Amino acid sequence: MVHTMKLMPSPFNMIRSGNKTIELRLYDSKRRKIKTGDTIIFKNTDEPLETLEVKVIELYIFDSFKALYRELPLLKCGYTKEDIDMASPDDMDKYYTKEEQEKYGVVGIKIALQE
């Protein structure tokens, strides 16, 4: 199955460069349809015609970003060596409310670029 998601330029470029291999999302009804082996097409929010095609390698499902941040390698989730010391599960609050996080849970989607 093929899924389409929007992605801001910074994480988009980090995936393209191979530095970001785990995409963090709310585990809502749209993300619950994703299965290992599926394809995701990411669209750059600033350049909608610019896309990346990735394969889903694994899904890491958690009750909260706090639990996810304890278990997953944050340098693969979009943080850099420069900002890793400041990484916090609260960083995800700008994308999803605490209520949404509690209602749906969260997912780390391990991906690999498709050639």
N, C-alpha and C. Protein backbone atom coordinates (compact mmCIF):
# COMPACT_ATOMS: atom_id res chain seq x y z
N MET A 1 0.84 -1.18 0.00
CA MET A 1 0.00 0.00 0.00
C MET A 1 0.89 1.25 0.00
N VAL A 2 0.42 2.30 -0.64
CA VAL A 2 1.16 3.56 -0.72
C VAL A 2 0.42 4.62 0.11
N HIS A 3 1.17 5.30 0.96
CA HIS A 3 0.64 6.36 1.82
C HIS A 3 1.33 7.66 1.43
N THR A 4 0.64 8.78 1.58
CA THR A 4 1.21 10.09 1.30
C THR A 4 1.17 10.92 2.58
N MET A 5 2.29 11.58 2.89
CA MET A 5 2.35 12.45 4.06
C MET A 5 3.12 13.71 3.72
N LYS A 6 2.72 14.80 4.37
CA LYS A 6 3.44 16.06 4.21
C LYS A 6 4.58 16.10 5.23
N LEU A 7 5.65 16.78 4.85
CA LEU A 7 6.81 16.89 5.72
C LEU A 7 7.47 18.25 5.52
N MET A 8 7.81 18.89 6.62
CA MET A 8 8.47 20.20 6.56
C MET A 8 9.86 20.03 5.95
N PRO A 9 10.42 21.11 5.39
CA PRO A 9 11.69 21.02 4.67
C PRO A 9 12.86 20.42 5.45
N SER A 10 13.02 20.79 6.72
CA SER A 10 14.17 20.28 7.48
C SER A 10 14.15 18.75 7.62
N PRO A 11 13.07 18.15 8.14
CA PRO A 11 13.06 16.69 8.22
C PRO A 11 13.06 16.03 6.84
N PHE A 12 12.44 16.68 5.87
CA PHE A 12 12.45 16.17 4.49
C PHE A 12 13.89 16.00 4.00
N ASN A 13 14.69 17.05 4.21
CA ASN A 13 16.09 17.02 3.77
C ASN A 13 16.92 16.03 4.59
N MET A 14 16.60 15.87 5.86
CA MET A 14 17.32 14.91 6.70
C MET A 14 17.04 13.47 6.24
N ILE A 15 15.82 13.20 5.80
CA ILE A 15 15.51 11.87 5.26
C ILE A 15 16.25 11.68 3.95
N ARG A 16 16.22 12.70 3.09
CA ARG A 16 16.90 12.60 1.80
C ARG A 16 18.40 12.33 1.97
N SER A 17 19.01 12.93 2.99
CA SER A 17 20.45 12.76 3.21
C SER A 17 20.77 11.44 3.92
N GLY A 18 19.73 10.77 4.45
CA GLY A 18 19.96 9.51 5.15
C GLY A 18 20.19 9.67 6.64
N ASN A 19 20.15 10.90 7.15
CA ASN A 19 20.38 11.13 8.58
C ASN A 19 19.17 10.81 9.44
N LYS A 20 17.98 10.96 8.87
CA LYS A 20 16.74 10.67 9.61
C LYS A 20 16.13 9.41 9.01
N THR A 21 16.04 8.37 9.82
CA THR A 21 15.49 7.10 9.33
C THR A 21 14.27 6.64 10.13
N ILE A 22 13.85 7.47 11.09
CA ILE A 22 12.64 7.17 11.87
C ILE A 22 11.77 8.42 11.88
N GLU A 23 10.58 8.31 11.33
CA GLU A 23 9.63 9.42 11.30
C GLU A 23 8.66 9.25 12.47
N LEU A 24 8.45 10.31 13.24
CA LEU A 24 7.59 10.27 14.42
C LEU A 24 6.22 10.85 14.09
N ARG A 25 5.19 10.11 14.41
CA ARG A 25 3.82 10.56 14.13
C ARG A 25 2.87 10.12 15.23
N LEU A 26 1.71 10.75 15.23
CA LEU A 26 0.60 10.29 16.05
C LEU A 26 0.13 8.96 15.47
N TYR A 27 -0.26 8.02 16.31
CA TYR A 27 -0.72 6.72 15.81
C TYR A 27 -2.25 6.76 15.64
N ASP A 28 -2.69 7.70 14.81
CA ASP A 28 -4.11 7.89 14.56
C ASP A 28 -4.62 6.92 13.50
N SER A 29 -5.85 7.08 13.07
CA SER A 29 -6.44 6.13 12.12
C SER A 29 -5.67 6.07 10.80
N LYS A 30 -5.13 7.17 10.35
CA LYS A 30 -4.35 7.18 9.11
C LYS A 30 -3.07 6.36 9.26
N ARG A 31 -2.36 6.54 10.37
CA ARG A 31 -1.09 5.83 10.59
C ARG A 31 -1.30 4.36 10.94
N ARG A 32 -2.46 4.02 11.50
CA ARG A 32 -2.74 2.62 11.83
C ARG A 32 -2.86 1.75 10.58
N LYS A 33 -3.05 2.38 9.42
CA LYS A 33 -3.14 1.64 8.15
C LYS A 33 -1.76 1.25 7.61
N ILE A 34 -0.71 1.85 8.15
CA ILE A 34 0.64 1.60 7.66
C ILE A 34 1.13 0.25 8.16
N LYS A 35 1.71 -0.51 7.25
CA LYS A 35 2.27 -1.83 7.58
C LYS A 35 3.71 -1.91 7.09
N THR A 36 4.48 -2.79 7.72
CA THR A 36 5.85 -3.05 7.26
C THR A 36 5.80 -3.45 5.79
N GLY A 37 6.70 -2.88 5.00
CA GLY A 37 6.76 -3.18 3.57
C GLY A 37 6.01 -2.17 2.71
N ASP A 38 5.16 -1.35 3.33
CA ASP A 38 4.42 -0.33 2.59
C ASP A 38 5.38 0.76 2.11
N THR A 39 4.86 1.59 1.21
CA THR A 39 5.60 2.75 0.70
C THR A 39 4.95 4.02 1.22
N ILE A 40 5.79 4.98 1.61
CA ILE A 40 5.31 6.31 1.98
C ILE A 40 5.93 7.30 1.00
N ILE A 41 5.11 8.18 0.47
CA ILE A 41 5.60 9.28 -0.35
C ILE A 41 5.48 10.54 0.49
N PHE A 42 6.64 11.12 0.83
CA PHE A 42 6.66 12.36 1.59
C PHE A 42 6.68 13.53 0.61
N LYS A 43 5.82 14.52 0.86
CA LYS A 43 5.79 15.74 0.05
C LYS A 43 6.33 16.89 0.88
N ASN A 44 7.29 17.60 0.33
CA ASN A 44 7.87 18.77 0.98
C ASN A 44 6.80 19.85 1.08
N THR A 45 6.53 20.34 2.29
CA THR A 45 5.47 21.34 2.46
C THR A 45 5.78 22.65 1.74
N ASP A 46 7.06 22.98 1.56
CA ASP A 46 7.43 24.21 0.85
C ASP A 46 7.48 24.04 -0.66
N GLU A 47 7.70 22.81 -1.10
CA GLU A 47 7.80 22.50 -2.54
C GLU A 47 6.98 21.23 -2.79
N PRO A 48 5.65 21.33 -2.89
CA PRO A 48 4.79 20.13 -2.97
C PRO A 48 5.12 19.17 -4.11
N LEU A 49 5.78 19.65 -5.15
CA LEU A 49 6.16 18.75 -6.25
C LEU A 49 7.41 17.95 -5.92
N GLU A 50 8.11 18.35 -4.87
CA GLU A 50 9.31 17.64 -4.43
C GLU A 50 8.88 16.53 -3.48
N THR A 51 9.21 15.28 -3.86
CA THR A 51 8.78 14.13 -3.07
C THR A 51 9.94 13.18 -2.79
N LEU A 52 9.76 12.38 -1.77
CA LEU A 52 10.67 11.29 -1.44
C LEU A 52 9.85 10.03 -1.29
N GLU A 53 10.35 8.93 -1.83
CA GLU A 53 9.66 7.65 -1.69
C GLU A 53 10.48 6.76 -0.76
N VAL A 54 9.84 6.27 0.29
CA VAL A 54 10.52 5.43 1.26
C VAL A 54 9.74 4.14 1.49
N LYS A 55 10.46 3.15 1.97
CA LYS A 55 9.84 1.87 2.32
C LYS A 55 9.77 1.79 3.84
N VAL A 56 8.65 1.28 4.36
CA VAL A 56 8.48 1.09 5.80
C VAL A 56 9.19 -0.19 6.21
N ILE A 57 10.17 -0.06 7.10
CA ILE A 57 10.98 -1.19 7.55
C ILE A 57 10.41 -1.78 8.84
N GLU A 58 9.99 -0.90 9.75
CA GLU A 58 9.48 -1.36 11.04
C GLU A 58 8.63 -0.26 11.67
N LEU A 59 7.70 -0.66 12.53
CA LEU A 59 6.86 0.28 13.28
C LEU A 59 7.13 0.10 14.77
N TYR A 60 7.36 1.21 15.46
CA TYR A 60 7.57 1.21 16.90
C TYR A 60 6.41 1.95 17.53
N ILE A 61 5.54 1.24 18.21
CA ILE A 61 4.31 1.83 18.74
C ILE A 61 4.45 2.03 20.25
N PHE A 62 4.09 3.24 20.71
CA PHE A 62 4.21 3.60 22.12
C PHE A 62 2.96 4.33 22.58
N ASP A 63 2.77 4.36 23.90
CA ASP A 63 1.66 5.10 24.48
C ASP A 63 1.89 6.60 24.45
N SER A 64 3.17 7.00 24.43
CA SER A 64 3.48 8.43 24.52
C SER A 64 4.84 8.71 23.87
N PHE A 65 5.06 9.98 23.55
CA PHE A 65 6.38 10.37 23.05
C PHE A 65 7.43 10.23 24.14
N LYS A 66 7.02 10.38 25.39
CA LYS A 66 7.97 10.20 26.50
C LYS A 66 8.54 8.79 26.46
N ALA A 67 7.70 7.79 26.28
CA ALA A 67 8.16 6.39 26.20
C ALA A 67 8.99 6.18 24.93
N LEU A 68 8.54 6.75 23.82
CA LEU A 68 9.27 6.62 22.56
C LEU A 68 10.67 7.22 22.69
N TYR A 69 10.78 8.40 23.28
CA TYR A 69 12.07 9.07 23.41
C TYR A 69 13.04 8.27 24.29
N ARG A 70 12.53 7.49 25.22
CA ARG A 70 13.39 6.66 26.08
C ARG A 70 13.96 5.46 25.30
N GLU A 71 13.22 4.98 24.31
CA GLU A 71 13.57 3.73 23.64
C GLU A 71 14.28 3.86 22.29
N LEU A 72 13.95 4.89 21.52
CA LEU A 72 14.47 4.99 20.16
C LEU A 72 15.70 5.90 20.09
N PRO A 73 16.60 5.64 19.13
CA PRO A 73 17.79 6.49 18.95
C PRO A 73 17.40 7.84 18.34
N LEU A 74 17.43 8.88 19.15
CA LEU A 74 16.94 10.19 18.72
C LEU A 74 17.72 10.80 17.56
N LEU A 75 18.97 10.40 17.40
CA LEU A 75 19.75 10.89 16.26
C LEU A 75 19.19 10.34 14.94
N LYS A 76 18.41 9.29 15.00
CA LYS A 76 17.75 8.73 13.81
C LYS A 76 16.34 9.30 13.63
N CYS A 77 15.88 10.08 14.64
CA CYS A 77 14.51 10.62 14.64
C CYS A 77 14.45 12.09 14.24
N GLY A 78 15.54 12.65 13.78
CA GLY A 78 15.53 14.03 13.32
C GLY A 78 16.34 15.00 14.15
N TYR A 79 16.95 14.53 15.22
CA TYR A 79 17.83 15.39 16.00
C TYR A 79 19.26 15.28 15.47
N THR A 80 20.05 16.30 15.77
CA THR A 80 21.45 16.32 15.36
C THR A 80 22.34 16.32 16.60
N LYS A 81 23.63 16.12 16.41
CA LYS A 81 24.56 16.16 17.54
C LYS A 81 24.52 17.51 18.23
N GLU A 82 24.19 18.55 17.46
CA GLU A 82 24.14 19.90 18.02
C GLU A 82 22.92 20.12 18.93
N ASP A 83 21.81 19.46 18.64
CA ASP A 83 20.61 19.72 19.45
C ASP A 83 20.12 18.52 20.27
N ILE A 84 20.85 17.42 20.25
CA ILE A 84 20.42 16.20 20.95
C ILE A 84 20.30 16.42 22.46
N ASP A 85 21.16 17.26 23.03
CA ASP A 85 21.12 17.49 24.48
C ASP A 85 19.84 18.22 24.91
N MET A 86 19.20 18.90 23.97
CA MET A 86 17.98 19.64 24.26
C MET A 86 16.72 18.86 23.87
N ALA A 87 16.89 17.65 23.33
CA ALA A 87 15.75 16.86 22.86
C ALA A 87 14.80 16.54 24.01
N SER A 88 13.51 16.72 23.74
CA SER A 88 12.50 16.47 24.76
C SER A 88 11.22 15.97 24.09
N PRO A 89 10.52 15.05 24.73
CA PRO A 89 9.23 14.62 24.17
C PRO A 89 8.26 15.78 24.00
N ASP A 90 8.45 16.82 24.80
CA ASP A 90 7.59 18.01 24.69
C ASP A 90 7.77 18.71 23.34
N ASP A 91 8.87 18.42 22.64
CA ASP A 91 9.08 19.00 21.31
C ASP A 91 7.94 18.64 20.36
N MET A 92 7.30 17.50 20.59
CA MET A 92 6.24 17.03 19.70
C MET A 92 4.91 17.73 19.97
N ASP A 93 4.84 18.49 21.07
CA ASP A 93 3.59 19.20 21.41
C ASP A 93 3.25 20.26 20.37
N LYS A 94 4.22 20.74 19.62
CA LYS A 94 3.92 21.75 18.60
C LYS A 94 3.22 21.13 17.40
N TYR A 95 3.25 19.80 17.29
CA TYR A 95 2.57 19.10 16.20
C TYR A 95 1.27 18.45 16.65
N TYR A 96 1.26 17.91 17.86
CA TYR A 96 0.11 17.16 18.36
C TYR A 96 -0.18 17.57 19.81
N THR A 97 -1.45 17.76 20.12
CA THR A 97 -1.82 18.12 21.49
C THR A 97 -1.60 16.92 22.42
N LYS A 98 -1.48 17.21 23.70
CA LYS A 98 -1.35 16.13 24.70
C LYS A 98 -2.58 15.22 24.65
N GLU A 99 -3.74 15.81 24.41
CA GLU A 99 -4.97 15.03 24.34
C GLU A 99 -4.93 14.04 23.17
N GLU A 100 -4.45 14.51 22.01
CA GLU A 100 -4.32 13.61 20.85
C GLU A 100 -3.33 12.49 21.15
N GLN A 101 -2.22 12.84 21.77
CA GLN A 101 -1.20 11.84 22.09
C GLN A 101 -1.77 10.77 23.03
N GLU A 102 -2.53 11.20 24.02
CA GLU A 102 -3.12 10.26 24.97
C GLU A 102 -4.20 9.41 24.31
N LYS A 103 -4.95 9.99 23.41
CA LYS A 103 -6.06 9.28 22.75
C LYS A 103 -5.55 8.21 21.79
N TYR A 104 -4.55 8.55 20.96
CA TYR A 104 -4.13 7.66 19.89
C TYR A 104 -2.84 6.88 20.15
N GLY A 105 -1.97 7.41 21.02
CA GLY A 105 -0.63 6.86 21.12
C GLY A 105 0.22 7.42 20.00
N VAL A 106 1.46 6.95 19.92
CA VAL A 106 2.39 7.49 18.93
C VAL A 106 3.14 6.35 18.25
N VAL A 107 3.77 6.67 17.12
CA VAL A 107 4.50 5.65 16.37
C VAL A 107 5.79 6.23 15.81
N GLY A 108 6.83 5.44 15.86
CA GLY A 108 8.07 5.73 15.16
C GLY A 108 8.08 4.82 13.94
N ILE A 109 8.17 5.41 12.77
CA ILE A 109 8.14 4.64 11.53
C ILE A 109 9.55 4.57 10.98
N LYS A 110 10.18 3.38 11.07
CA LYS A 110 11.52 3.22 10.53
C LYS A 110 11.41 3.06 9.02
N ILE A 111 12.18 3.89 8.30
CA ILE A 111 12.06 3.95 6.84
C ILE A 111 13.42 3.82 6.17
N ALA A 112 13.38 3.47 4.91
CA ALA A 112 14.58 3.43 4.07
C ALA A 112 14.21 4.04 2.72
N LEU A 113 15.09 4.91 2.22
CA LEU A 113 14.87 5.51 0.90
C LEU A 113 14.80 4.44 -0.17
N GLN A 114 13.89 4.62 -1.12
CA GLN A 114 13.83 3.71 -2.26
C GLN A 114 14.57 4.37 -3.40
N GLU A 115 15.38 3.59 -4.04
CA GLU A 115 16.18 4.11 -5.16
C GLU A 115 15.33 4.27 -6.40
